[in-house]
Amino acid sequence: MSEGRRPDGRVVRARLVRMGADEDSFDREFWTRMTPEQRVDCLWDMVLDAMAIKGVANFGEQGLQRSVGRILRP
């Protein structure tokens, strides 16, 4: 694994993973190194990136889907 620091101070980690050889180990190791708060921050950054790619202008309106349903039993 190689590790470096970006000009903005963020740490970048990389590793060559061969198909078939526990391909998910890098992801598991990456996410388990973080605190839960750091994971939420990373996920929110991904949400903002996805919204920017889609062209969503009003980030304040976004959030979790709020669908409500009700089941009535006879």
PDB file of N, CA and C in Angstrom:
ATOM      1  N   MET A   1       0.852  -1.166   0.000  1.00  0.00           N
ATOM      2  CA  MET A   1       0.000   0.000   0.000  1.00  0.00           C
ATOM      3  C   MET A   1       0.895   1.225   0.000  1.00  0.00           C
ATOM      4  N   SER A   2       0.504   2.223  -0.764  1.00  0.00           N
ATOM      5  CA  SER A   2       1.231   3.487  -0.749  1.00  0.00           C
ATOM      6  C   SER A   2       0.323   4.554  -0.156  1.00  0.00           C
ATOM      7  N   GLU A   3       0.945   5.541   0.456  1.00  0.00           N
ATOM      8  CA  GLU A   3       0.186   6.606   1.094  1.00  0.00           C
ATOM      9  C   GLU A   3       0.857   7.926   0.784  1.00  0.00           C
ATOM     10  N   GLY A   4       0.063   8.941   0.542  1.00  0.00           N
ATOM     11  CA  GLY A   4       0.586  10.271   0.256  1.00  0.00           C
ATOM     12  C   GLY A   4      -0.349  11.328   0.793  1.00  0.00           C
ATOM     13  N   ARG A   5       0.062  12.563   0.691  1.00  0.00           N
ATOM     14  CA  ARG A   5      -0.762  13.683   1.172  1.00  0.00           C
ATOM     15  C   ARG A   5      -0.994  14.643   0.022  1.00  0.00           C
ATOM     16  N   ARG A   6      -2.247  15.041  -0.173  1.00  0.00           N
ATOM     17  CA  ARG A   6      -2.609  15.993  -1.220  1.00  0.00           C
ATOM     18  C   ARG A   6      -2.261  17.407  -0.766  1.00  0.00           C
ATOM     19  N   PRO A   7      -2.194  18.359  -1.704  1.00  0.00           N
ATOM     20  CA  PRO A   7      -1.897  19.750  -1.329  1.00  0.00           C
ATOM     21  C   PRO A   7      -2.901  20.339  -0.332  1.00  0.00           C
ATOM     22  N   ASP A   8      -4.148  19.831  -0.351  1.00  0.00           N
ATOM     23  CA  ASP A   8      -5.144  20.347   0.587  1.00  0.00           C
ATOM     24  C   ASP A   8      -5.062  19.671   1.956  1.00  0.00           C
ATOM     25  N   GLY A   9      -4.090  18.778   2.140  1.00  0.00           N
ATOM     26  CA  GLY A   9      -3.866  18.146   3.437  1.00  0.00           C
ATOM     27  C   GLY A   9      -4.486  16.769   3.583  1.00  0.00           C
ATOM     28  N   ARG A  10      -5.356  16.379   2.640  1.00  0.00           N
ATOM     29  CA  ARG A  10      -5.997  15.070   2.753  1.00  0.00           C
ATOM     30  C   ARG A  10      -4.994  13.958   2.467  1.00  0.00           C
ATOM     31  N   VAL A  11      -5.161  12.845   3.169  1.00  0.00           N
ATOM     32  CA  VAL A  11      -4.306  11.673   2.980  1.00  0.00           C
ATOM     33  C   VAL A  11      -4.909  10.795   1.894  1.00  0.00           C
ATOM     34  N   VAL A  12      -4.063  10.310   0.987  1.00  0.00           N
ATOM     35  CA  VAL A  12      -4.498   9.446  -0.097  1.00  0.00           C
ATOM     36  C   VAL A  12      -3.790   8.109   0.057  1.00  0.00           C
ATOM     37  N   ARG A  13      -4.574   7.015   0.019  1.00  0.00           N
ATOM     38  CA  ARG A  13      -4.015   5.668   0.115  1.00  0.00           C
ATOM     39  C   ARG A  13      -4.347   4.905  -1.157  1.00  0.00           C
ATOM     40  N   ALA A  14      -3.403   4.088  -1.623  1.00  0.00           N
ATOM     41  CA  ALA A  14      -3.632   3.292  -2.829  1.00  0.00           C
ATOM     42  C   ALA A  14      -2.972   1.932  -2.670  1.00  0.00           C
ATOM     43  N   ARG A  15      -3.576   0.945  -3.309  1.00  0.00           N
ATOM     44  CA  ARG A  15      -2.996  -0.402  -3.283  1.00  0.00           C
ATOM     45  C   ARG A  15      -3.463  -1.134  -4.526  1.00  0.00           C
ATOM     46  N   LEU A  16      -2.566  -1.913  -5.123  1.00  0.00           N
ATOM     47  CA  LEU A  16      -2.908  -2.741  -6.265  1.00  0.00           C
ATOM     48  C   LEU A  16      -3.598  -3.994  -5.748  1.00  0.00           C
ATOM     49  N   VAL A  17      -4.812  -4.253  -6.248  1.00  0.00           N
ATOM     50  CA  VAL A  17      -5.582  -5.412  -5.820  1.00  0.00           C
ATOM     51  C   VAL A  17      -5.855  -6.283  -7.033  1.00  0.00           C
ATOM     52  N   ARG A  18      -5.469  -7.517  -6.954  1.00  0.00           N
ATOM     53  CA  ARG A  18      -5.692  -8.450  -8.053  1.00  0.00           C
ATOM     54  C   ARG A  18      -7.063  -9.092  -7.901  1.00  0.00           C
ATOM     55  N   MET A  19      -7.757  -9.298  -9.031  1.00  0.00           N
ATOM     56  CA  MET A  19      -9.086  -9.896  -8.997  1.00  0.00           C
ATOM     57  C   MET A  19      -9.008 -11.300  -8.414  1.00  0.00           C
ATOM     58  N   GLY A  20      -9.991 -11.593  -7.571  1.00  0.00           N
ATOM     59  CA  GLY A  20     -10.074 -12.925  -6.992  1.00  0.00           C
ATOM     60  C   GLY A  20      -9.333 -13.079  -5.682  1.00  0.00           C
ATOM     61  N   ALA A  21      -8.465 -12.147  -5.352  1.00  0.00           N
ATOM     62  CA  ALA A  21      -7.656 -12.258  -4.134  1.00  0.00           C
ATOM     63  C   ALA A  21      -8.179 -11.287  -3.083  1.00  0.00           C
ATOM     64  N   ASP A  22      -9.307 -11.609  -2.472  1.00  0.00           N
ATOM     65  CA  ASP A  22      -9.925 -10.781  -1.441  1.00  0.00           C
ATOM     66  C   ASP A  22      -9.957  -9.311  -1.875  1.00  0.00           C
ATOM     67  N   GLU A  23     -10.684  -9.080  -2.942  1.00  0.00           N
ATOM     68  CA  GLU A  23     -10.759  -7.752  -3.547  1.00  0.00           C
ATOM     69  C   GLU A  23     -11.314  -6.695  -2.592  1.00  0.00           C
ATOM     70  N   ASP A  24     -12.128  -7.092  -1.639  1.00  0.00           N
ATOM     71  CA  ASP A  24     -12.771  -6.134  -0.741  1.00  0.00           C
ATOM     72  C   ASP A  24     -11.934  -5.784   0.482  1.00  0.00           C
ATOM     73  N   SER A  25     -10.800  -6.423   0.677  1.00  0.00           N
ATOM     74  CA  SER A  25     -10.014  -6.176   1.888  1.00  0.00           C
ATOM     75  C   SER A  25      -9.539  -4.732   1.984  1.00  0.00           C
ATOM     76  N   PHE A  26      -9.199  -4.118   0.851  1.00  0.00           N
ATOM     77  CA  PHE A  26      -8.746  -2.730   0.879  1.00  0.00           C
ATOM     78  C   PHE A  26      -9.861  -1.811   1.368  1.00  0.00           C
ATOM     79  N   ASP A  27     -11.074  -2.022   0.843  1.00  0.00           N
ATOM     80  CA  ASP A  27     -12.209  -1.204   1.279  1.00  0.00           C
ATOM     81  C   ASP A  27     -12.497  -1.395   2.759  1.00  0.00           C
ATOM     82  N   ARG A  28     -12.515  -2.652   3.210  1.00  0.00           N
ATOM     83  CA  ARG A  28     -12.778  -2.906   4.635  1.00  0.00           C
ATOM     84  C   ARG A  28     -11.732  -2.231   5.503  1.00  0.00           C
ATOM     85  N   GLU A  29     -10.465  -2.349   5.139  1.00  0.00           N
ATOM     86  CA  GLU A  29      -9.387  -1.735   5.911  1.00  0.00           C
ATOM     87  C   GLU A  29      -9.509  -0.208   5.905  1.00  0.00           C
ATOM     88  N   PHE A  30      -9.828   0.367   4.752  1.00  0.00           N
ATOM     89  CA  PHE A  30      -9.961   1.815   4.635  1.00  0.00           C
ATOM     90  C   PHE A  30     -11.043   2.338   5.574  1.00  0.00           C
ATOM     91  N   TRP A  31     -12.241   1.724   5.511  1.00  0.00           N
ATOM     92  CA  TRP A  31     -13.357   2.234   6.301  1.00  0.00           C
ATOM     93  C   TRP A  31     -13.212   1.927   7.787  1.00  0.00           C
ATOM     94  N   THR A  32     -12.582   0.809   8.159  1.00  0.00           N
ATOM     95  CA  THR A  32     -12.447   0.485   9.581  1.00  0.00           C
ATOM     96  C   THR A  32     -11.379   1.330  10.267  1.00  0.00           C
ATOM     97  N   ARG A  33     -10.497   1.962   9.528  1.00  0.00           N
ATOM     98  CA  ARG A  33      -9.508   2.864  10.130  1.00  0.00           C
ATOM     99  C   ARG A  33     -10.133   4.161  10.632  1.00  0.00           C
ATOM    100  N   MET A  34     -11.333   4.466  10.156  1.00  0.00           N
ATOM    101  CA  MET A  34     -11.975   5.743  10.470  1.00  0.00           C
ATOM    102  C   MET A  34     -12.917   5.616  11.657  1.00  0.00           C
ATOM    103  N   THR A  35     -13.129   6.742  12.313  1.00  0.00           N
ATOM    104  CA  THR A  35     -14.159   6.811  13.342  1.00  0.00           C
ATOM    105  C   THR A  35     -15.512   6.900  12.646  1.00  0.00           C
ATOM    106  N   PRO A  36     -16.600   6.606  13.351  1.00  0.00           N
ATOM    107  CA  PRO A  36     -17.920   6.756  12.719  1.00  0.00           C
ATOM    108  C   PRO A  36     -18.169   8.176  12.202  1.00  0.00           C
ATOM    109  N   GLU A  37     -17.681   9.174  12.911  1.00  0.00           N
ATOM    110  CA  GLU A  37     -17.863  10.556  12.475  1.00  0.00           C
ATOM    111  C   GLU A  37     -17.133  10.814  11.153  1.00  0.00           C
ATOM    112  N   GLN A  38     -15.931  10.267  11.016  1.00  0.00           N
ATOM    113  CA  GLN A  38     -15.169  10.433   9.775  1.00  0.00           C
ATOM    114  C   GLN A  38     -15.873   9.738   8.614  1.00  0.00           C
ATOM    115  N   ARG A  39     -16.475   8.564   8.878  1.00  0.00           N
ATOM    116  CA  ARG A  39     -17.203   7.851   7.827  1.00  0.00           C
ATOM    117  C   ARG A  39     -18.390   8.669   7.342  1.00  0.00           C
ATOM    118  N   VAL A  40     -19.135   9.264   8.274  1.00  0.00           N
ATOM    119  CA  VAL A  40     -20.289  10.084   7.885  1.00  0.00           C
ATOM    120  C   VAL A  40     -19.824  11.276   7.059  1.00  0.00           C
ATOM    121  N   ASP A  41     -18.724  11.911   7.464  1.00  0.00           N
ATOM    122  CA  ASP A  41     -18.188  13.046   6.696  1.00  0.00           C
ATOM    123  C   ASP A  41     -17.828  12.623   5.272  1.00  0.00           C
ATOM    124  N   CYS A  42     -17.179  11.473   5.123  1.00  0.00           N
ATOM    125  CA  CYS A  42     -16.805  10.980   3.789  1.00  0.00           C
ATOM    126  C   CYS A  42     -18.044  10.685   2.950  1.00  0.00           C
ATOM    127  N   LEU A  43     -19.024  10.044   3.567  1.00  0.00           N
ATOM    128  CA  LEU A  43     -20.240   9.721   2.828  1.00  0.00           C
ATOM    129  C   LEU A  43     -20.984  10.987   2.409  1.00  0.00           C
ATOM    130  N   TRP A  44     -21.010  12.000   3.283  1.00  0.00           N
ATOM    131  CA  TRP A  44     -21.679  13.246   2.916  1.00  0.00           C
ATOM    132  C   TRP A  44     -20.947  13.928   1.763  1.00  0.00           C
ATOM    133  N   ASP A  45     -19.598  13.867   1.763  1.00  0.00           N
ATOM    134  CA  ASP A  45     -18.833  14.412   0.637  1.00  0.00           C
ATOM    135  C   ASP A  45     -19.220  13.708  -0.658  1.00  0.00           C
ATOM    136  N   MET A  46     -19.429  12.380  -0.590  1.00  0.00           N
ATOM    137  CA  MET A  46     -19.832  11.638  -1.784  1.00  0.00           C
ATOM    138  C   MET A  46     -21.226  12.069  -2.249  1.00  0.00           C
ATOM    139  N   VAL A  47     -22.134  12.316  -1.308  1.00  0.00           N
ATOM    140  CA  VAL A  47     -23.480  12.787  -1.655  1.00  0.00           C
ATOM    141  C   VAL A  47     -23.383  14.133  -2.367  1.00  0.00           C
ATOM    142  N   LEU A  48     -22.587  15.052  -1.817  1.00  0.00           N
ATOM    143  CA  LEU A  48     -22.430  16.366  -2.447  1.00  0.00           C
ATOM    144  C   LEU A  48     -21.809  16.259  -3.835  1.00  0.00           C
ATOM    145  N   ASP A  49     -20.829  15.372  -3.998  1.00  0.00           N
ATOM    146  CA  ASP A  49     -20.227  15.155  -5.314  1.00  0.00           C
ATOM    147  C   ASP A  49     -21.271  14.635  -6.304  1.00  0.00           C
ATOM    148  N   ALA A  50     -22.077  13.659  -5.870  1.00  0.00           N
ATOM    149  CA  ALA A  50     -23.101  13.090  -6.752  1.00  0.00           C
ATOM    150  C   ALA A  50     -24.129  14.143  -7.138  1.00  0.00           C
ATOM    151  N   MET A  51     -24.530  14.983  -6.184  1.00  0.00           N
ATOM    152  CA  MET A  51     -25.508  16.031  -6.497  1.00  0.00           C
ATOM    153  C   MET A  51     -24.916  17.061  -7.446  1.00  0.00           C
ATOM    154  N   ALA A  52     -23.632  17.382  -7.286  1.00  0.00           N
ATOM    155  CA  ALA A  52     -22.988  18.334  -8.195  1.00  0.00           C
ATOM    156  C   ALA A  52     -22.926  17.759  -9.612  1.00  0.00           C
ATOM    157  N   ILE A  53     -22.634  16.470  -9.727  1.00  0.00           N
ATOM    158  CA  ILE A  53     -22.581  15.827 -11.039  1.00  0.00           C
ATOM    159  C   ILE A  53     -23.960  15.848 -11.697  1.00  0.00           C
ATOM    160  N   LYS A  54     -25.008  15.628 -10.901  1.00  0.00           N
ATOM    161  CA  LYS A  54     -26.374  15.637 -11.429  1.00  0.00           C
ATOM    162  C   LYS A  54     -26.891  17.045 -11.693  1.00  0.00           C
ATOM    163  N   GLY A  55     -26.171  18.053 -11.196  1.00  0.00           N
ATOM    164  CA  GLY A  55     -26.585  19.428 -11.420  1.00  0.00           C
ATOM    165  C   GLY A  55     -27.607  19.938 -10.419  1.00  0.00           C
ATOM    166  N   VAL A  56     -27.693  19.306  -9.256  1.00  0.00           N
ATOM    167  CA  VAL A  56     -28.619  19.752  -8.218  1.00  0.00           C
ATOM    168  C   VAL A  56     -28.050  21.017  -7.601  1.00  0.00           C
ATOM    169  N   ALA A  57     -28.821  22.091  -7.645  1.00  0.00           N
ATOM    170  CA  ALA A  57     -28.311  23.387  -7.190  1.00  0.00           C
ATOM    171  C   ALA A  57     -28.557  23.638  -5.708  1.00  0.00           C
ATOM    172  N   ASN A  58     -29.674  23.171  -5.170  1.00  0.00           N
ATOM    173  CA  ASN A  58     -30.029  23.496  -3.798  1.00  0.00           C
ATOM    174  C   ASN A  58     -29.691  22.328  -2.872  1.00  0.00           C
ATOM    175  N   PHE A  59     -28.466  22.318  -2.332  1.00  0.00           N
ATOM    176  CA  PHE A  59     -28.021  21.220  -1.479  1.00  0.00           C
ATOM    177  C   PHE A  59     -28.777  21.181  -0.157  1.00  0.00           C
ATOM    178  N   GLY A  60     -29.309  22.315   0.301  1.00  0.00           N
ATOM    179  CA  GLY A  60     -30.005  22.358   1.576  1.00  0.00           C
ATOM    180  C   GLY A  60     -31.303  21.570   1.587  1.00  0.00           C
ATOM    181  N   GLU A  61     -31.876  21.320   0.427  1.00  0.00           N
ATOM    182  CA  GLU A  61     -33.134  20.598   0.354  1.00  0.00           C
ATOM    183  C   GLU A  61     -32.938  19.093   0.367  1.00  0.00           C
ATOM    184  N   GLN A  62     -31.720  18.651   0.193  1.00  0.00           N
ATOM    185  CA  GLN A  62     -31.474  17.219   0.085  1.00  0.00           C
ATOM    186  C   GLN A  62     -31.409  16.572   1.459  1.00  0.00           C
ATOM    187  N   GLY A  63     -31.695  15.295   1.497  1.00  0.00           N
ATOM    188  CA  GLY A  63     -31.626  14.532   2.738  1.00  0.00           C
ATOM    189  C   GLY A  63     -32.081  13.115   2.472  1.00  0.00           C
ATOM    190  N   LEU A  64     -32.398  12.424   3.523  1.00  0.00           N
ATOM    191  CA  LEU A  64     -32.871  11.064   3.368  1.00  0.00           C
ATOM    192  C   LEU A  64     -34.280  11.073   2.789  1.00  0.00           C
ATOM    193  N   GLN A  65     -34.581  10.010   2.061  1.00  0.00           N
ATOM    194  CA  GLN A  65     -35.917   9.881   1.505  1.00  0.00           C
ATOM    195  C   GLN A  65     -36.910   9.737   2.650  1.00  0.00           C
ATOM    196  N   ARG A  66     -37.998  10.436   2.558  1.00  0.00           N
ATOM    197  CA  ARG A  66     -38.990  10.425   3.627  1.00  0.00           C
ATOM    198  C   ARG A  66     -40.315   9.863   3.115  1.00  0.00           C
ATOM    199  N   SER A  67     -40.325   8.611   2.786  1.00  0.00           N
ATOM    200  CA  SER A  67     -41.551   7.967   2.331  1.00  0.00           C
ATOM    201  C   SER A  67     -42.282   7.387   3.543  1.00  0.00           C
ATOM    202  N   VAL A  68     -43.589   7.544   3.531  1.00  0.00           N
ATOM    203  CA  VAL A  68     -44.408   7.040   4.630  1.00  0.00           C
ATOM    204  C   VAL A  68     -45.454   6.112   4.056  1.00  0.00           C
ATOM    205  N   GLY A  69     -45.665   5.017   4.722  1.00  0.00           N
ATOM    206  CA  GLY A  69     -46.697   4.088   4.286  1.00  0.00           C
ATOM    207  C   GLY A  69     -47.434   3.529   5.481  1.00  0.00           C
ATOM    208  N   ARG A  70     -48.596   2.943   5.218  1.00  0.00           N
ATOM    209  CA  ARG A  70     -49.392   2.384   6.302  1.00  0.00           C
ATOM    210  C   ARG A  70     -50.069   1.127   5.784  1.00  0.00           C
ATOM    211  N   ILE A  71     -50.063   0.101   6.594  1.00  0.00           N
ATOM    212  CA  ILE A  71     -50.716  -1.153   6.223  1.00  0.00           C
ATOM    213  C   ILE A  71     -51.917  -1.322   7.156  1.00  0.00           C
ATOM    214  N   LEU A  72     -53.092  -1.492   6.556  1.00  0.00           N
ATOM    215  CA  LEU A  72     -54.299  -1.748   7.335  1.00  0.00           C
ATOM    216  C   LEU A  72     -54.659  -3.218   7.186  1.00  0.00           C
ATOM    217  N   ARG A  73     -54.806  -3.874   8.300  1.00  0.00           N
ATOM    218  CA  ARG A  73     -55.176  -5.288   8.270  1.00  0.00           C
ATOM    219  C   ARG A  73     -56.674  -5.421   8.523  1.00  0.00           C
ATOM    220  N   PRO A  74     -57.325  -6.317   7.806  1.00  0.00           N
ATOM    221  CA  PRO A  74     -58.787  -6.483   8.008  1.00  0.00           C
ATOM    222  C   PRO A  74     -59.112  -7.112   9.355  1.00  0.00           C
TER     223      PRO A  74
END
